C-alpha atoms as a PDB file:
ATOM      1  CA  MET A   1      -0.937   1.087 -22.999  1.00  0.00           C
ATOM      2  CA  THR A   2      -0.697   2.499 -19.485  1.00  0.00           C
ATOM      3  CA  ASP A   3      -2.761   5.360 -18.164  1.00  0.00           C
ATOM      4  CA  LYS A   4      -1.776   7.365 -15.090  1.00  0.00           C
ATOM      5  CA  ILE A   5      -3.807   9.503 -12.790  1.00  0.00           C
ATOM      6  CA  ILE A   6      -1.582  11.767 -10.720  1.00  0.00           C
ATOM      7  CA  ILE A   7      -3.024  13.418  -7.644  1.00  0.00           C
ATOM      8  CA  THR A   8      -0.635  16.199  -6.745  1.00  0.00           C
ATOM      9  CA  LYS A   9      -0.030  17.603  -3.277  1.00  0.00           C
ATOM     10  CA  ASN A  10      -1.587  20.920  -4.346  1.00  0.00           C
ATOM     11  CA  ILE A  11      -4.764  19.352  -5.793  1.00  0.00           C
ATOM     12  CA  THR A  12      -7.878  21.533  -5.892  1.00  0.00           C
ATOM     13  CA  PRO A  13     -11.505  20.767  -6.761  1.00  0.00           C
ATOM     14  CA  SER A  14     -10.899  22.426 -10.142  1.00  0.00           C
ATOM     15  CA  LYS A  15      -7.877  20.212 -10.862  1.00  0.00           C
ATOM     16  CA  LEU A  16      -9.902  17.159  -9.804  1.00  0.00           C
ATOM     17  CA  GLY A  17     -12.506  18.214 -12.373  1.00  0.00           C
ATOM     18  CA  ASP A  18      -9.796  18.242 -15.027  1.00  0.00           C
ATOM     19  CA  LEU A  19      -8.726  14.744 -13.969  1.00  0.00           C
ATOM     20  CA  PHE A  20     -12.344  13.567 -14.343  1.00  0.00           C
ATOM     21  CA  ASP A  21     -12.297  14.886 -17.893  1.00  0.00           C
ATOM     22  CA  GLU A  22      -9.072  12.929 -18.537  1.00  0.00           C
ATOM     23  CA  ILE A  23     -10.381   9.596 -17.307  1.00  0.00           C
ATOM     24  CA  VAL A  24     -13.363   9.800 -19.647  1.00  0.00           C
ATOM     25  CA  HIS A  25     -10.946   9.351 -22.571  1.00  0.00           C
ATOM     26  CA  GLN A  26      -8.730   6.711 -20.995  1.00  0.00           C
ATOM     27  CA  ASN A  27      -9.124   3.032 -21.724  1.00  0.00           C
ATOM     28  CA  SER A  28      -6.240   0.882 -20.580  1.00  0.00           C
ATOM     29  CA  ASP A  29      -5.612  -2.418 -18.844  1.00  0.00           C
ATOM     30  CA  ASP A  30      -2.597  -1.307 -16.804  1.00  0.00           C
ATOM     31  CA  ASN A  31      -3.551   1.808 -14.869  1.00  0.00           C
ATOM     32  CA  ILE A  32      -1.441   3.586 -12.286  1.00  0.00           C
ATOM     33  CA  LEU A  33      -2.630   5.888  -9.527  1.00  0.00           C
ATOM     34  CA  ILE A  34       0.045   8.188  -8.098  1.00  0.00           C
ATOM     35  CA  LEU A  35      -0.651   9.629  -4.650  1.00  0.00           C
ATOM     36  CA  PRO A  36       1.206  12.471  -2.927  1.00  0.00           C
ATOM     37  CA  SER A  37       2.862  11.974   0.440  1.00  0.00           C
ATOM     38  CA  ARG A  38       0.662  14.795   1.756  1.00  0.00           C
ATOM     39  CA  LEU A  39      -1.796  17.436   0.615  1.00  0.00           C
ATOM     40  CA  ASP A  40      -0.733  21.077   0.937  1.00  0.00           C
ATOM     41  CA  LYS A  41      -4.192  22.575   1.326  1.00  0.00           C
ATOM     42  CA  TYR A  42      -6.927  20.375   2.659  1.00  0.00           C
ATOM     43  CA  ARG A  43     -10.393  21.802   2.077  1.00  0.00           C
ATOM     44  CA  PHE A  44     -13.762  20.512   3.186  1.00  0.00           C
ATOM     45  CA  GLY A  45     -15.068  17.973   0.693  1.00  0.00           C
ATOM     46  CA  LEU A  46     -11.708  17.358  -0.956  1.00  0.00           C
ATOM     47  CA  LEU A  47     -11.440  13.806   0.416  1.00  0.00           C
ATOM     48  CA  ALA A  48     -14.878  12.950  -0.980  1.00  0.00           C
ATOM     49  CA  ASP A  49     -13.906  14.357  -4.381  1.00  0.00           C
ATOM     50  CA  ILE A  50     -10.637  12.406  -4.406  1.00  0.00           C
ATOM     51  CA  LEU A  51     -12.425   9.184  -3.458  1.00  0.00           C
ATOM     52  CA  ARG A  52     -15.056   9.773  -6.136  1.00  0.00           C
ATOM     53  CA  LEU A  53     -12.318  10.237  -8.750  1.00  0.00           C
ATOM     54  CA  ILE A  54     -10.483   7.086  -7.675  1.00  0.00           C
ATOM     55  CA  ILE A  55     -13.659   4.991  -7.525  1.00  0.00           C
ATOM     56  CA  THR A  56     -14.670   6.189 -10.976  1.00  0.00           C
ATOM     57  CA  PHE A  57     -11.197   5.600 -12.431  1.00  0.00           C
ATOM     58  CA  ASN A  58     -11.007   2.144 -10.852  1.00  0.00           C
ATOM     59  CA  ARG A  59     -14.489   1.171 -12.058  1.00  0.00           C
ATOM     60  CA  LYS A  60     -13.833   2.358 -15.606  1.00  0.00           C
ATOM     61  CA  ASN A  61     -10.239   1.126 -15.896  1.00  0.00           C
ATOM     62  CA  SER A  62      -9.083  -1.072 -13.043  1.00  0.00           C
ATOM     63  CA  ILE A  63      -6.170   0.450 -11.104  1.00  0.00           C
ATOM     64  CA  LYS A  64      -3.359  -2.112 -11.103  1.00  0.00           C
ATOM     65  CA  THR A  65      -0.649  -0.093  -9.334  1.00  0.00           C
ATOM     66  CA  VAL A  66      -0.783   2.551  -6.628  1.00  0.00           C
ATOM     67  CA  LYS A  67       2.429   4.525  -6.379  1.00  0.00           C
ATOM     68  CA  ILE A  68       2.833   6.581  -3.230  1.00  0.00           C
ATOM     69  CA  ASP A  69       5.240   9.495  -3.567  1.00  0.00           C
ATOM     70  CA  VAL A  70       7.112   8.615  -0.389  1.00  0.00           C
ATOM     71  CA  LYS A  71      10.161   6.574   0.527  1.00  0.00           C
ATOM     72  CA  LYS A  72       9.581   3.246   2.204  1.00  0.00           C
ATOM     73  CA  ASP A  73      10.918   4.590   5.517  1.00  0.00           C
ATOM     74  CA  ASP A  74       8.348   7.412   5.557  1.00  0.00           C
ATOM     75  CA  ILE A  75       5.180   5.308   5.250  1.00  0.00           C
ATOM     76  CA  ASP A  76       4.186   6.240   8.812  1.00  0.00           C
ATOM     77  CA  LYS A  77       4.065   9.933   7.849  1.00  0.00           C
ATOM     78  CA  PHE A  78       1.839   9.053   4.914  1.00  0.00           C
ATOM     79  CA  TYR A  79      -0.671   7.472   7.300  1.00  0.00           C
ATOM     80  CA  ASP A  80      -1.040  10.792   9.113  1.00  0.00           C
ATOM     81  CA  GLN A  81      -2.927  11.942   6.010  1.00  0.00           C
ATOM     82  CA  GLU A  82      -6.705  11.623   6.104  1.00  0.00           C
ATOM     83  CA  TYR A  83      -6.915  10.120   2.628  1.00  0.00           C
ATOM     84  CA  ALA A  84      -4.415   7.281   3.186  1.00  0.00           C
ATOM     85  CA  TYR A  85      -6.559   4.691   4.946  1.00  0.00           C
ATOM     86  CA  PRO A  86      -9.698   4.880   2.769  1.00  0.00           C
ATOM     87  CA  ILE A  87      -7.778   4.803  -0.514  1.00  0.00           C
ATOM     88  CA  ILE A  88      -5.540   1.922   0.533  1.00  0.00           C
ATOM     89  CA  SER A  89      -8.575   0.012   1.846  1.00  0.00           C
ATOM     90  CA  LEU A  90     -10.513   0.610  -1.359  1.00  0.00           C
ATOM     91  CA  LEU A  91      -7.753  -0.751  -3.603  1.00  0.00           C
ATOM     92  CA  TRP A  92      -6.226  -3.341  -1.253  1.00  0.00           C
ATOM     93  CA  ASN A  93      -7.466  -6.508  -2.971  1.00  0.00           C
ATOM     94  CA  THR A  94      -6.934  -5.426  -6.552  1.00  0.00           C
ATOM     95  CA  SER A  95      -3.778  -3.307  -6.683  1.00  0.00           C
ATOM     96  CA  THR A  96      -0.049  -3.505  -6.174  1.00  0.00           C
ATOM     97  CA  PHE A  97       1.426  -0.821  -3.914  1.00  0.00           C
ATOM     98  CA  VAL A  98       4.853   0.711  -4.481  1.00  0.00           C
ATOM     99  CA  ASP A  99       6.828   3.620  -3.040  1.00  0.00           C
ATOM    100  CA  LYS A 100       8.431   6.402  -5.069  1.00  0.00           C
ATOM    101  CA  GLU A 101      11.383   4.115  -5.862  1.00  0.00           C
ATOM    102  CA  ASP A 102       9.079   1.303  -7.072  1.00  0.00           C
ATOM    103  CA  ASN A 103       9.718  -0.905  -4.022  1.00  0.00           C
ATOM    104  CA  LEU A 104       6.796  -3.152  -3.122  1.00  0.00           C
ATOM    105  CA  ILE A 105       5.316  -1.873   0.147  1.00  0.00           C
ATOM    106  CA  LYS A 106       2.152  -3.888   0.706  1.00  0.00           C
ATOM    107  CA  GLY A 107       3.720  -5.639   3.708  1.00  0.00           C
ATOM    108  CA  LEU A 108       4.460  -2.295   5.365  1.00  0.00           C
ATOM    109  CA  LEU A 109       1.008  -1.019   4.534  1.00  0.00           C
ATOM    110  CA  ARG A 110      -0.621  -4.146   5.996  1.00  0.00           C
ATOM    111  CA  ARG A 111       0.766  -3.383   9.451  1.00  0.00           C
ATOM    112  CA  ARG A 112      -0.408   0.239   9.303  1.00  0.00           C
ATOM    113  CA  GLN A 113      -3.823  -0.719   7.878  1.00  0.00           C
ATOM    114  CA  ASN A 114      -4.342  -3.199  10.708  1.00  0.00           C
ATOM    115  CA  GLU A 115      -3.300  -0.660  13.358  1.00  0.00           C
ATOM    116  CA  PHE A 116      -5.614   1.953  11.898  1.00  0.00           C
ATOM    117  CA  PHE A 117      -8.489  -0.537  11.689  1.00  0.00           C
ATOM    118  CA  LEU A 118      -8.055  -1.528  15.343  1.00  0.00           C
ATOM    119  CA  LYS A 119      -8.054   2.127  16.425  1.00  0.00           C
ATOM    120  CA  MET A 120     -11.223   2.769  14.458  1.00  0.00           C
ATOM    121  CA  ASN A 121     -12.944  -0.249  15.999  1.00  0.00           C
ATOM    122  CA  SER A 122     -11.924   0.726  19.523  1.00  0.00           C
ATOM    123  CA  LEU A 123     -12.947   4.356  18.954  1.00  0.00           C
ATOM    124  CA  SER A 124      -9.563   5.459  20.248  1.00  0.00           C
ATOM    125  CA  ARG A 125      -8.730   9.111  19.754  1.00  0.00           C
ATOM    126  CA  MET A 126      -6.447   9.581  16.785  1.00  0.00           C
ATOM    127  CA  LYS A 127      -4.382  12.572  15.747  1.00  0.00           C
ATOM    128  CA  GLY A 128      -6.689  15.548  15.342  1.00  0.00           C
ATOM    129  CA  ASN A 129     -10.431  14.936  15.213  1.00  0.00           C
ATOM    130  CA  LYS A 130     -10.503  12.430  12.369  1.00  0.00           C
END
């Protein structure tokens, strides 16, 4: 049995609460997390709520696959999103990463993860005030 958690691009704290209620009843060995290519409305605290949901879901039922709703050629745009780096880092060692067409993309993500990590370590200014 496979369980999916889908974070939509129009996610709200209320919808995240509903997802928490869903994961309480899930118990599967082959879990999939589906991430949007971007969030429509980013509100203060939303990233923390998303991370809390993913950590809880992963702890309860290990996430085996992370599907990013983006084509392989648009991975760079995905990394402009504040939630990309922490989620990918969190699940890096335990999950398989695929794009919307189910192509394996861990190699592409590795390059972007490394670039992001180097920028964070050098305290270089990134897009916005992240």
